[in-house]
């Protein structure tokens, strides 16, 4: 079950990287220019996740420690982004609380 959860996180991370990352913007736009299918595919996160899931699913059955190291690295990257988001929200809440206290 933990392995499946890790692969779900990996698919989500790869979709975010492919569809939103600035570093992949030029290759993404180049691939989008190939035609309507690739343009629609990379413009729709739901569609991209289906195809990435289909590509990643067979890796579930591969027993290769180097592949798992890469997979764990991708999953950790994505989970750390969520942790950064949580800390950012908590920091903003703390700053807002201090500002409200200062106004009283």
PDB file of N, CA and C in Angstrom:
ATOM      1  N   UNK A   1       0.820  -1.197   0.000  1.00  0.00           N
ATOM      2  CA  UNK A   1       0.000   0.000   0.000  1.00  0.00           C
ATOM      3  C   UNK A   1       0.866   1.264   0.000  1.00  0.00           C
ATOM      4  N   UNK A   2       1.952   1.228   0.764  1.00  0.00           N
ATOM      5  CA  UNK A   2       2.855   2.371   0.814  1.00  0.00           C
ATOM      6  C   UNK A   2       3.506   2.609  -0.551  1.00  0.00           C
ATOM      7  N   UNK A   3       3.801   1.525  -1.250  1.00  0.00           N
ATOM      8  CA  UNK A   3       4.401   1.632  -2.576  1.00  0.00           C
ATOM      9  C   UNK A   3       3.433   2.300  -3.559  1.00  0.00           C
ATOM     10  N   UNK A   4       2.165   1.964  -3.469  1.00  0.00           N
ATOM     11  CA  UNK A   4       1.159   2.581  -4.342  1.00  0.00           C
ATOM     12  C   UNK A   4       1.043   4.066  -4.032  1.00  0.00           C
ATOM     13  N   UNK A   5       1.028   4.420  -2.756  1.00  0.00           N
ATOM     14  CA  UNK A   5       0.968   5.825  -2.369  1.00  0.00           C
ATOM     15  C   UNK A   5       2.172   6.585  -2.907  1.00  0.00           C
ATOM     16  N   UNK A   6       3.349   5.971  -2.831  1.00  0.00           N
ATOM     17  CA  UNK A   6       4.545   6.607  -3.359  1.00  0.00           C
ATOM     18  C   UNK A   6       4.404   6.850  -4.863  1.00  0.00           C
ATOM     19  N   UNK A   7       3.857   5.889  -5.593  1.00  0.00           N
ATOM     20  CA  UNK A   7       3.692   6.048  -7.033  1.00  0.00           C
ATOM     21  C   UNK A   7       2.640   7.107  -7.365  1.00  0.00           C
ATOM     22  N   UNK A   8       1.620   7.235  -6.537  1.00  0.00           N
ATOM     23  CA  UNK A   8       0.631   8.307  -6.735  1.00  0.00           C
ATOM     24  C   UNK A   8       1.302   9.668  -6.581  1.00  0.00           C
ATOM     25  N   UNK A   9       2.126   9.795  -5.570  1.00  0.00           N
ATOM     26  CA  UNK A   9       2.853  11.054  -5.342  1.00  0.00           C
ATOM     27  C   UNK A   9       3.803  11.325  -6.506  1.00  0.00           C
ATOM     28  N   UNK A  10       4.440  10.283  -7.027  1.00  0.00           N
ATOM     29  CA  UNK A  10       5.370  10.442  -8.145  1.00  0.00           C
ATOM     30  C   UNK A  10       4.626  10.927  -9.385  1.00  0.00           C
ATOM     31  N   UNK A  11       3.477  10.331  -9.679  1.00  0.00           N
ATOM     32  CA  UNK A  11       2.698  10.768 -10.847  1.00  0.00           C
ATOM     33  C   UNK A  11       2.305  12.223 -10.682  1.00  0.00           C
ATOM     34  N   UNK A  12       1.823  12.596  -9.495  1.00  0.00           N
ATOM     35  CA  UNK A  12       1.424  13.981  -9.258  1.00  0.00           C
ATOM     36  C   UNK A  12       2.609  14.927  -9.409  1.00  0.00           C
ATOM     37  N   UNK A  13       3.765  14.520  -8.897  1.00  0.00           N
ATOM     38  CA  UNK A  13       4.963  15.360  -9.003  1.00  0.00           C
ATOM     39  C   UNK A  13       5.395  15.526 -10.455  1.00  0.00           C
ATOM     40  N   UNK A  14       5.370  14.445 -11.221  1.00  0.00           N
ATOM     41  CA  UNK A  14       5.777  14.529 -12.623  1.00  0.00           C
ATOM     42  C   UNK A  14       4.810  15.380 -13.438  1.00  0.00           C
ATOM     43  N   UNK A  15       3.524  15.287 -13.136  1.00  0.00           N
ATOM     44  CA  UNK A  15       2.549  16.128 -13.836  1.00  0.00           C
ATOM     45  C   UNK A  15       2.817  17.595 -13.534  1.00  0.00           C
ATOM     46  N   UNK A  16       3.077  17.909 -12.283  1.00  0.00           N
ATOM     47  CA  UNK A  16       3.405  19.292 -11.922  1.00  0.00           C
ATOM     48  C   UNK A  16       4.665  19.768 -12.647  1.00  0.00           C
ATOM     49  N   UNK A  17       5.685  18.927 -12.678  1.00  0.00           N
ATOM     50  CA  UNK A  17       6.927  19.298 -13.357  1.00  0.00           C
ATOM     51  C   UNK A  17       6.707  19.499 -14.857  1.00  0.00           C
ATOM     52  N   UNK A  18       5.991  18.579 -15.466  1.00  0.00           N
ATOM     53  CA  UNK A  18       5.780  18.642 -16.914  1.00  0.00           C
ATOM     54  C   UNK A  18       4.885  19.809 -17.301  1.00  0.00           C
ATOM     55  N   UNK A  19       3.817  20.036 -16.556  1.00  0.00           N
ATOM     56  CA  UNK A  19       2.821  21.037 -16.946  1.00  0.00           C
ATOM     57  C   UNK A  19       3.088  22.444 -16.420  1.00  0.00           C
ATOM     58  N   UNK A  20       3.857  22.573 -15.354  1.00  0.00           N
ATOM     59  CA  UNK A  20       3.987  23.886 -14.734  1.00  0.00           C
ATOM     60  C   UNK A  20       5.413  24.406 -14.554  1.00  0.00           C
ATOM     61  N   UNK A  21       6.406  23.533 -14.555  1.00  0.00           N
ATOM     62  CA  UNK A  21       7.742  24.009 -14.193  1.00  0.00           C
ATOM     63  C   UNK A  21       8.308  24.964 -15.235  1.00  0.00           C
ATOM     64  N   UNK A  22       8.971  25.965 -14.738  1.00  0.00           N
ATOM     65  CA  UNK A  22       9.550  26.982 -15.606  1.00  0.00           C
ATOM     66  C   UNK A  22      10.707  26.407 -16.431  1.00  0.00           C
ATOM     67  N   UNK A  23      11.474  25.518 -15.834  1.00  0.00           N
ATOM     68  CA  UNK A  23      12.635  24.972 -16.529  1.00  0.00           C
ATOM     69  C   UNK A  23      12.233  24.127 -17.747  1.00  0.00           C
ATOM     70  N   UNK A  24      11.046  23.559 -17.712  1.00  0.00           N
ATOM     71  CA  UNK A  24      10.570  22.750 -18.842  1.00  0.00           C
ATOM     72  C   UNK A  24       9.631  23.518 -19.776  1.00  0.00           C
ATOM     73  N   UNK A  25       9.562  24.834 -19.610  1.00  0.00           N
ATOM     74  CA  UNK A  25       8.638  25.625 -20.424  1.00  0.00           C
ATOM     75  C   UNK A  25       8.956  25.547 -21.914  1.00  0.00           C
ATOM     76  N   UNK A  26      10.205  25.713 -22.296  1.00  0.00           N
ATOM     77  CA  UNK A  26      10.552  25.655 -23.722  1.00  0.00           C
ATOM     78  C   UNK A  26      10.283  24.284 -24.343  1.00  0.00           C
ATOM     79  N   UNK A  27      10.752  23.187 -23.714  1.00  0.00           N
ATOM     80  CA  UNK A  27      10.416  21.877 -24.296  1.00  0.00           C
ATOM     81  C   UNK A  27       8.907  21.620 -24.330  1.00  0.00           C
ATOM     82  N   UNK A  28       8.195  22.069 -23.300  1.00  0.00           N
ATOM     83  CA  UNK A  28       6.746  21.884 -23.246  1.00  0.00           C
ATOM     84  C   UNK A  28       6.061  22.626 -24.389  1.00  0.00           C
ATOM     85  N   UNK A  29       6.460  23.872 -24.629  1.00  0.00           N
ATOM     86  CA  UNK A  29       5.864  24.644 -25.721  1.00  0.00           C
ATOM     87  C   UNK A  29       6.223  24.040 -27.081  1.00  0.00           C
ATOM     88  N   UNK A  30       7.434  23.521 -27.205  1.00  0.00           N
ATOM     89  CA  UNK A  30       7.846  22.877 -28.451  1.00  0.00           C
ATOM     90  C   UNK A  30       6.996  21.631 -28.710  1.00  0.00           C
ATOM     91  N   UNK A  31       6.791  20.825 -27.676  1.00  0.00           N
ATOM     92  CA  UNK A  31       5.969  19.617 -27.840  1.00  0.00           C
ATOM     93  C   UNK A  31       4.520  19.994 -28.106  1.00  0.00           C
ATOM     94  N   UNK A  32       4.016  21.039 -27.480  1.00  0.00           N
ATOM     95  CA  UNK A  32       2.649  21.496 -27.739  1.00  0.00           C
ATOM     96  C   UNK A  32       2.472  21.900 -29.201  1.00  0.00           C
ATOM     97  N   UNK A  33       3.529  22.422 -29.806  1.00  0.00           N
ATOM     98  CA  UNK A  33       3.432  22.884 -31.200  1.00  0.00           C
ATOM     99  C   UNK A  33       3.355  21.734 -32.203  1.00  0.00           C
ATOM    100  N   UNK A  34       3.536  20.499 -31.767  1.00  0.00           N
ATOM    101  CA  UNK A  34       3.463  19.352 -32.675  1.00  0.00           C
ATOM    102  C   UNK A  34       2.067  19.155 -33.248  1.00  0.00           C
ATOM    103  N   UNK A  35       1.050  19.561 -32.512  1.00  0.00           N
ATOM    104  CA  UNK A  35      -0.312  19.385 -33.005  1.00  0.00           C
ATOM    105  C   UNK A  35      -1.331  19.523 -31.894  1.00  0.00           C
ATOM    106  N   UNK A  36      -2.596  19.376 -32.264  1.00  0.00           N
ATOM    107  CA  UNK A  36      -3.681  19.587 -31.300  1.00  0.00           C
ATOM    108  C   UNK A  36      -3.637  18.583 -30.148  1.00  0.00           C
ATOM    109  N   UNK A  37      -3.255  17.319 -30.436  1.00  0.00           N
ATOM    110  CA  UNK A  37      -3.252  16.302 -29.384  1.00  0.00           C
ATOM    111  C   UNK A  37      -2.229  16.640 -28.296  1.00  0.00           C
ATOM    112  N   UNK A  38      -1.003  16.929 -28.698  1.00  0.00           N
ATOM    113  CA  UNK A  38       0.029  17.237 -27.704  1.00  0.00           C
ATOM    114  C   UNK A  38      -0.267  18.561 -27.000  1.00  0.00           C
ATOM    115  N   UNK A  39      -0.858  19.513 -27.718  1.00  0.00           N
ATOM    116  CA  UNK A  39      -1.230  20.782 -27.092  1.00  0.00           C
ATOM    117  C   UNK A  39      -2.296  20.557 -26.025  1.00  0.00           C
ATOM    118  N   UNK A  40      -3.339  19.813 -26.387  1.00  0.00           N
ATOM    119  CA  UNK A  40      -4.399  19.533 -25.419  1.00  0.00           C
ATOM    120  C   UNK A  40      -3.883  18.682 -24.256  1.00  0.00           C
ATOM    121  N   UNK A  41      -3.022  17.728 -24.568  1.00  0.00           N
ATOM    122  CA  UNK A  41      -2.491  16.842 -23.536  1.00  0.00           C
ATOM    123  C   UNK A  41      -1.726  17.620 -22.473  1.00  0.00           C
ATOM    124  N   UNK A  42      -0.850  18.505 -22.885  1.00  0.00           N
ATOM    125  CA  UNK A  42      -0.018  19.242 -21.932  1.00  0.00           C
ATOM    126  C   UNK A  42      -0.726  20.458 -21.341  1.00  0.00           C
ATOM    127  N   UNK A  43      -1.909  20.771 -21.843  1.00  0.00           N
ATOM    128  CA  UNK A  43      -2.692  21.867 -21.280  1.00  0.00           C
ATOM    129  C   UNK A  43      -3.674  21.375 -20.226  1.00  0.00           C
ATOM    130  N   UNK A  44      -3.879  20.072 -20.168  1.00  0.00           N
ATOM    131  CA  UNK A  44      -4.861  19.482 -19.251  1.00  0.00           C
ATOM    132  C   UNK A  44      -4.123  18.590 -18.251  1.00  0.00           C
ATOM    133  N   UNK A  45      -4.124  18.991 -16.979  1.00  0.00           N
ATOM    134  CA  UNK A  45      -3.415  18.217 -15.967  1.00  0.00           C
ATOM    135  C   UNK A  45      -4.042  16.837 -15.778  1.00  0.00           C
ATOM    136  N   UNK A  46      -5.354  16.764 -15.894  1.00  0.00           N
ATOM    137  CA  UNK A  46      -6.045  15.476 -15.753  1.00  0.00           C
ATOM    138  C   UNK A  46      -5.588  14.522 -16.851  1.00  0.00           C
ATOM    139  N   UNK A  47      -5.545  15.012 -18.089  1.00  0.00           N
ATOM    140  CA  UNK A  47      -5.118  14.180 -19.225  1.00  0.00           C
ATOM    141  C   UNK A  47      -3.653  13.754 -19.067  1.00  0.00           C
ATOM    142  N   UNK A  48      -2.819  14.689 -18.683  1.00  0.00           N
ATOM    143  CA  UNK A  48      -1.405  14.381 -18.508  1.00  0.00           C
ATOM    144  C   UNK A  48      -1.212  13.331 -17.419  1.00  0.00           C
ATOM    145  N   UNK A  49      -1.984  13.422 -16.337  1.00  0.00           N
ATOM    146  CA  UNK A  49      -1.826  12.458 -15.251  1.00  0.00           C
ATOM    147  C   UNK A  49      -2.220  11.051 -15.687  1.00  0.00           C
ATOM    148  N   UNK A  50      -3.211  10.946 -16.582  1.00  0.00           N
ATOM    149  CA  UNK A  50      -3.598   9.625 -17.085  1.00  0.00           C
ATOM    150  C   UNK A  50      -2.428   8.985 -17.829  1.00  0.00           C
ATOM    151  N   UNK A  51      -1.812   9.748 -18.721  1.00  0.00           N
ATOM    152  CA  UNK A  51      -0.720   9.197 -19.530  1.00  0.00           C
ATOM    153  C   UNK A  51       0.522   8.945 -18.692  1.00  0.00           C
ATOM    154  N   UNK A  52       0.836   9.838 -17.785  1.00  0.00           N
ATOM    155  CA  UNK A  52       1.991   9.626 -16.906  1.00  0.00           C
ATOM    156  C   UNK A  52       1.743   8.389 -16.038  1.00  0.00           C
ATOM    157  N   UNK A  53       0.516   8.241 -15.551  1.00  0.00           N
ATOM    158  CA  UNK A  53       0.166   7.061 -14.773  1.00  0.00           C
ATOM    159  C   UNK A  53       0.351   5.777 -15.568  1.00  0.00           C
ATOM    160  N   UNK A  54      -0.033   5.804 -16.833  1.00  0.00           N
ATOM    161  CA  UNK A  54       0.123   4.623 -17.693  1.00  0.00           C
ATOM    162  C   UNK A  54       1.603   4.301 -17.921  1.00  0.00           C
ATOM    163  N   UNK A  55       2.413   5.317 -18.000  1.00  0.00           N
ATOM    164  CA  UNK A  55       3.853   5.112 -18.208  1.00  0.00           C
ATOM    165  C   UNK A  55       4.514   4.613 -16.918  1.00  0.00           C
ATOM    166  N   UNK A  56       4.102   5.169 -15.785  1.00  0.00           N
ATOM    167  CA  UNK A  56       4.716   4.847 -14.495  1.00  0.00           C
ATOM    168  C   UNK A  56       4.227   3.507 -13.939  1.00  0.00           C
ATOM    169  N   UNK A  57       2.989   3.111 -14.236  1.00  0.00           N
ATOM    170  CA  UNK A  57       2.392   1.900 -13.653  1.00  0.00           C
ATOM    171  C   UNK A  57       3.258   0.643 -13.812  1.00  0.00           C
ATOM    172  N   UNK A  58       3.835   0.373 -14.972  1.00  0.00           N
ATOM    173  CA  UNK A  58       4.669  -0.837 -15.071  1.00  0.00           C
ATOM    174  C   UNK A  58       5.891  -0.823 -14.150  1.00  0.00           C
ATOM    175  N   UNK A  59       6.344   0.368 -13.761  1.00  0.00           N
ATOM    176  CA  UNK A  59       7.497   0.458 -12.868  1.00  0.00           C
ATOM    177  C   UNK A  59       7.190  -0.104 -11.489  1.00  0.00           C
ATOM    178  N   UNK A  60       5.897  -0.204 -11.162  1.00  0.00           N
ATOM    179  CA  UNK A  60       5.488  -0.779  -9.888  1.00  0.00           C
ATOM    180  C   UNK A  60       5.999  -2.218  -9.755  1.00  0.00           C
ATOM    181  N   UNK A  61       6.099  -2.910 -10.871  1.00  0.00           N
ATOM    182  CA  UNK A  61       6.483  -4.322 -10.859  1.00  0.00           C
ATOM    183  C   UNK A  61       7.982  -4.546 -11.084  1.00  0.00           C
ATOM    184  N   UNK A  62       8.711  -3.473 -11.327  1.00  0.00           N
ATOM    185  CA  UNK A  62      10.152  -3.578 -11.534  1.00  0.00           C
ATOM    186  C   UNK A  62      10.836  -3.575 -10.173  1.00  0.00           C
ATOM    187  N   UNK A  63      11.746  -4.480  -9.990  1.00  0.00           N
ATOM    188  CA  UNK A  63      12.459  -4.568  -8.710  1.00  0.00           C
ATOM    189  C   UNK A  63      13.903  -4.133  -8.930  1.00  0.00           C
ATOM    190  N   UNK A  64      14.114  -2.826  -8.964  1.00  0.00           N
ATOM    191  CA  UNK A  64      15.432  -2.266  -9.218  1.00  0.00           C
ATOM    192  C   UNK A  64      15.689  -1.182  -8.174  1.00  0.00           C
ATOM    193  N   UNK A  65      16.717  -1.362  -7.366  1.00  0.00           N
ATOM    194  CA  UNK A  65      16.958  -0.411  -6.276  1.00  0.00           C
ATOM    195  C   UNK A  65      17.315   0.981  -6.780  1.00  0.00           C
ATOM    196  N   UNK A  66      17.972   1.089  -7.929  1.00  0.00           N
ATOM    197  CA  UNK A  66      18.313   2.409  -8.460  1.00  0.00           C
ATOM    198  C   UNK A  66      17.071   3.162  -8.921  1.00  0.00           C
ATOM    199  N   UNK A  67      16.141   2.431  -9.514  1.00  0.00           N
ATOM    200  CA  UNK A  67      14.874   3.029  -9.917  1.00  0.00           C
ATOM    201  C   UNK A  67      14.112   3.516  -8.691  1.00  0.00           C
ATOM    202  N   UNK A  68      14.108   2.735  -7.628  1.00  0.00           N
ATOM    203  CA  UNK A  68      13.419   3.135  -6.405  1.00  0.00           C
ATOM    204  C   UNK A  68      14.072   4.359  -5.769  1.00  0.00           C
ATOM    205  N   UNK A  69      15.366   4.476  -5.870  1.00  0.00           N
ATOM    206  CA  UNK A  69      16.050   5.662  -5.344  1.00  0.00           C
ATOM    207  C   UNK A  69      15.564   6.906  -6.087  1.00  0.00           C
ATOM    208  N   UNK A  70      15.454   6.805  -7.403  1.00  0.00           N
ATOM    209  CA  UNK A  70      14.941   7.924  -8.200  1.00  0.00           C
ATOM    210  C   UNK A  70      13.493   8.217  -7.824  1.00  0.00           C
ATOM    211  N   UNK A  71      12.680   7.166  -7.695  1.00  0.00           N
ATOM    212  CA  UNK A  71      11.269   7.340  -7.339  1.00  0.00           C
ATOM    213  C   UNK A  71      11.119   7.986  -5.971  1.00  0.00           C
ATOM    214  N   UNK A  72      11.880   7.545  -5.015  1.00  0.00           N
ATOM    215  CA  UNK A  72      11.817   8.131  -3.678  1.00  0.00           C
ATOM    216  C   UNK A  72      12.257   9.598  -3.723  1.00  0.00           C
ATOM    217  N   UNK A  73      13.266   9.897  -4.520  1.00  0.00           N
ATOM    218  CA  UNK A  73      13.707  11.287  -4.667  1.00  0.00           C
ATOM    219  C   UNK A  73      12.604  12.176  -5.226  1.00  0.00           C
ATOM    220  N   UNK A  74      11.885  11.692  -6.232  1.00  0.00           N
ATOM    221  CA  UNK A  74      10.776  12.465  -6.811  1.00  0.00           C
ATOM    222  C   UNK A  74       9.667  12.648  -5.779  1.00  0.00           C
ATOM    223  N   UNK A  75       9.334  11.571  -5.058  1.00  0.00           N
ATOM    224  CA  UNK A  75       8.279  11.657  -4.044  1.00  0.00           C
ATOM    225  C   UNK A  75       8.683  12.621  -2.921  1.00  0.00           C
ATOM    226  N   UNK A  76       9.925  12.563  -2.485  1.00  0.00           N
ATOM    227  CA  UNK A  76      10.394  13.475  -1.440  1.00  0.00           C
ATOM    228  C   UNK A  76      10.357  14.921  -1.912  1.00  0.00           C
ATOM    229  N   UNK A  77      10.720  15.135  -3.170  1.00  0.00           N
ATOM    230  CA  UNK A  77      10.665  16.485  -3.741  1.00  0.00           C
ATOM    231  C   UNK A  77       9.249  17.046  -3.618  1.00  0.00           C
ATOM    232  N   UNK A  78       8.255  16.253  -3.996  1.00  0.00           N
ATOM    233  CA  UNK A  78       6.871  16.731  -3.984  1.00  0.00           C
ATOM    234  C   UNK A  78       6.358  16.922  -2.561  1.00  0.00           C
ATOM    235  N   UNK A  79       6.652  15.963  -1.689  1.00  0.00           N
ATOM    236  CA  UNK A  79       6.197  16.098  -0.305  1.00  0.00           C
ATOM    237  C   UNK A  79       6.850  17.290   0.389  1.00  0.00           C
ATOM    238  N   UNK A  80       8.106  17.574   0.033  1.00  0.00           N
ATOM    239  CA  UNK A  80       8.760  18.738   0.633  1.00  0.00           C
ATOM    240  C   UNK A  80       8.107  20.035   0.156  1.00  0.00           C
ATOM    241  N   UNK A  81       7.599  20.055  -1.087  1.00  0.00           N
ATOM    242  CA  UNK A  81       6.878  21.239  -1.564  1.00  0.00           C
ATOM    243  C   UNK A  81       5.619  21.481  -0.731  1.00  0.00           C
ATOM    244  N   UNK A  82       4.910  20.396  -0.392  1.00  0.00           N
ATOM    245  CA  UNK A  82       3.720  20.546   0.446  1.00  0.00           C
ATOM    246  C   UNK A  82       4.097  21.012   1.848  1.00  0.00           C
ATOM    247  N   UNK A  83       5.215  20.554   2.356  1.00  0.00           N
ATOM    248  CA  UNK A  83       5.678  21.004   3.664  1.00  0.00           C
ATOM    249  C   UNK A  83       6.024  22.488   3.630  1.00  0.00           C
ATOM    250  N   UNK A  84       6.675  22.937   2.552  1.00  0.00           N
ATOM    251  CA  UNK A  84       6.964  24.369   2.386  1.00  0.00           C
ATOM    252  C   UNK A  84       5.668  25.174   2.356  1.00  0.00           C
ATOM    253  N   UNK A  85       4.669  24.659   1.657  1.00  0.00           N
ATOM    254  CA  UNK A  85       3.379  25.339   1.581  1.00  0.00           C
ATOM    255  C   UNK A  85       2.743  25.445   2.966  1.00  0.00           C
ATOM    256  N   UNK A  86       2.754  24.356   3.709  1.00  0.00           N
ATOM    257  CA  UNK A  86       2.187  24.363   5.061  1.00  0.00           C
ATOM    258  C   UNK A  86       2.914  25.363   5.951  1.00  0.00           C
ATOM    259  N   UNK A  87       4.243  25.361   5.916  1.00  0.00           N
ATOM    260  CA  UNK A  87       5.006  26.305   6.726  1.00  0.00           C
ATOM    261  C   UNK A  87       4.727  27.743   6.302  1.00  0.00           C
ATOM    262  N   UNK A  88       4.560  27.966   4.999  1.00  0.00           N
ATOM    263  CA  UNK A  88       4.236  29.306   4.520  1.00  0.00           C
ATOM    264  C   UNK A  88       2.888  29.783   5.035  1.00  0.00           C
ATOM    265  N   UNK A  89       1.899  28.896   5.024  1.00  0.00           N
ATOM    266  CA  UNK A  89       0.576  29.246   5.546  1.00  0.00           C
ATOM    267  C   UNK A  89       0.655  29.549   7.035  1.00  0.00           C
ATOM    268  N   UNK A  90       1.369  28.705   7.783  1.00  0.00           N
ATOM    269  CA  UNK A  90       1.521  28.931   9.226  1.00  0.00           C
ATOM    270  C   UNK A  90       2.253  30.240   9.515  1.00  0.00           C
ATOM    271  N   UNK A  91       3.295  30.537   8.735  1.00  0.00           N
ATOM    272  CA  UNK A  91       4.033  31.785   8.915  1.00  0.00           C
ATOM    273  C   UNK A  91       3.130  32.987   8.633  1.00  0.00           C
ATOM    274  N   UNK A  92       2.353  32.925   7.543  1.00  0.00           N
ATOM    275  CA  UNK A  92       1.439  34.020   7.215  1.00  0.00           C
ATOM    276  C   UNK A  92       0.388  34.210   8.310  1.00  0.00           C
ATOM    277  N   UNK A  93      -0.112  33.102   8.849  1.00  0.00           N
ATOM    278  CA  UNK A  93      -1.088  33.177   9.936  1.00  0.00           C
ATOM    279  C   UNK A  93      -0.462  33.843  11.156  1.00  0.00           C
ATOM    280  N   UNK A  94       0.778  33.477  11.461  1.00  0.00           N
ATOM    281  CA  UNK A  94       1.467  34.059  12.608  1.00  0.00           C
ATOM    282  C   UNK A  94       1.695  35.559  12.391  1.00  0.00           C
ATOM    283  N   UNK A  95       2.096  35.944  11.207  1.00  0.00           N
ATOM    284  CA  UNK A  95       2.327  37.369  10.915  1.00  0.00           C
ATOM    285  C   UNK A  95       1.019  38.142  10.996  1.00  0.00           C
ATOM    286  N   UNK A  96      -0.068  37.581  10.441  1.00  0.00           N
ATOM    287  CA  UNK A  96      -1.380  38.239  10.527  1.00  0.00           C
ATOM    288  C   UNK A  96      -1.825  38.411  11.976  1.00  0.00           C
ATOM    289  N   UNK A  97      -1.584  37.393  12.801  1.00  0.00           N
ATOM    290  CA  UNK A  97      -1.944  37.473  14.222  1.00  0.00           C
ATOM    291  C   UNK A  97      -1.161  38.579  14.901  1.00  0.00           C
ATOM    292  N   UNK A  98       0.127  38.686  14.620  1.00  0.00           N
ATOM    293  CA  UNK A  98       0.942  39.740  15.234  1.00  0.00           C
ATOM    294  C   UNK A  98       0.499  41.126  14.767  1.00  0.00           C
ATOM    295  N   UNK A  99       0.129  41.243  13.493  1.00  0.00           N
ATOM    296  CA  UNK A  99      -0.311  42.537  12.973  1.00  0.00           C
ATOM    297  C   UNK A  99      -1.632  42.946  13.660  1.00  0.00           C
ATOM    298  N   UNK A 100      -2.546  41.978  13.807  1.00  0.00           N
ATOM    299  CA  UNK A 100      -3.828  42.274  14.470  1.00  0.00           C
ATOM    300  C   UNK A 100      -3.613  42.661  15.937  1.00  0.00           C
ATOM    301  N   UNK A 101      -2.669  42.020  16.598  1.00  0.00           N
ATOM    302  CA  UNK A 101      -2.371  42.370  17.995  1.00  0.00           C
ATOM    303  C   UNK A 101      -1.809  43.779  18.086  1.00  0.00           C
ATOM    304  N   UNK A 102      -1.008  44.169  17.102  1.00  0.00           N
ATOM    305  CA  UNK A 102      -0.398  45.488  17.109  1.00  0.00           C
ATOM    306  C   UNK A 102      -1.397  46.602  16.885  1.00  0.00           C
ATOM    307  N   UNK A 103      -2.518  46.318  16.231  1.00  0.00           N
ATOM    308  CA  UNK A 103      -3.543  47.323  15.955  1.00  0.00           C
ATOM    309  C   UNK A 103      -4.425  47.591  17.174  1.00  0.00           C
ATOM    310  N   UNK A 104      -4.464  46.667  18.114  1.00  0.00           N
ATOM    311  CA  UNK A 104      -5.384  46.807  19.251  1.00  0.00           C
ATOM    312  C   UNK A 104      -4.887  47.783  20.266  1.00  0.00           C
TER     313      UNK A 104
END
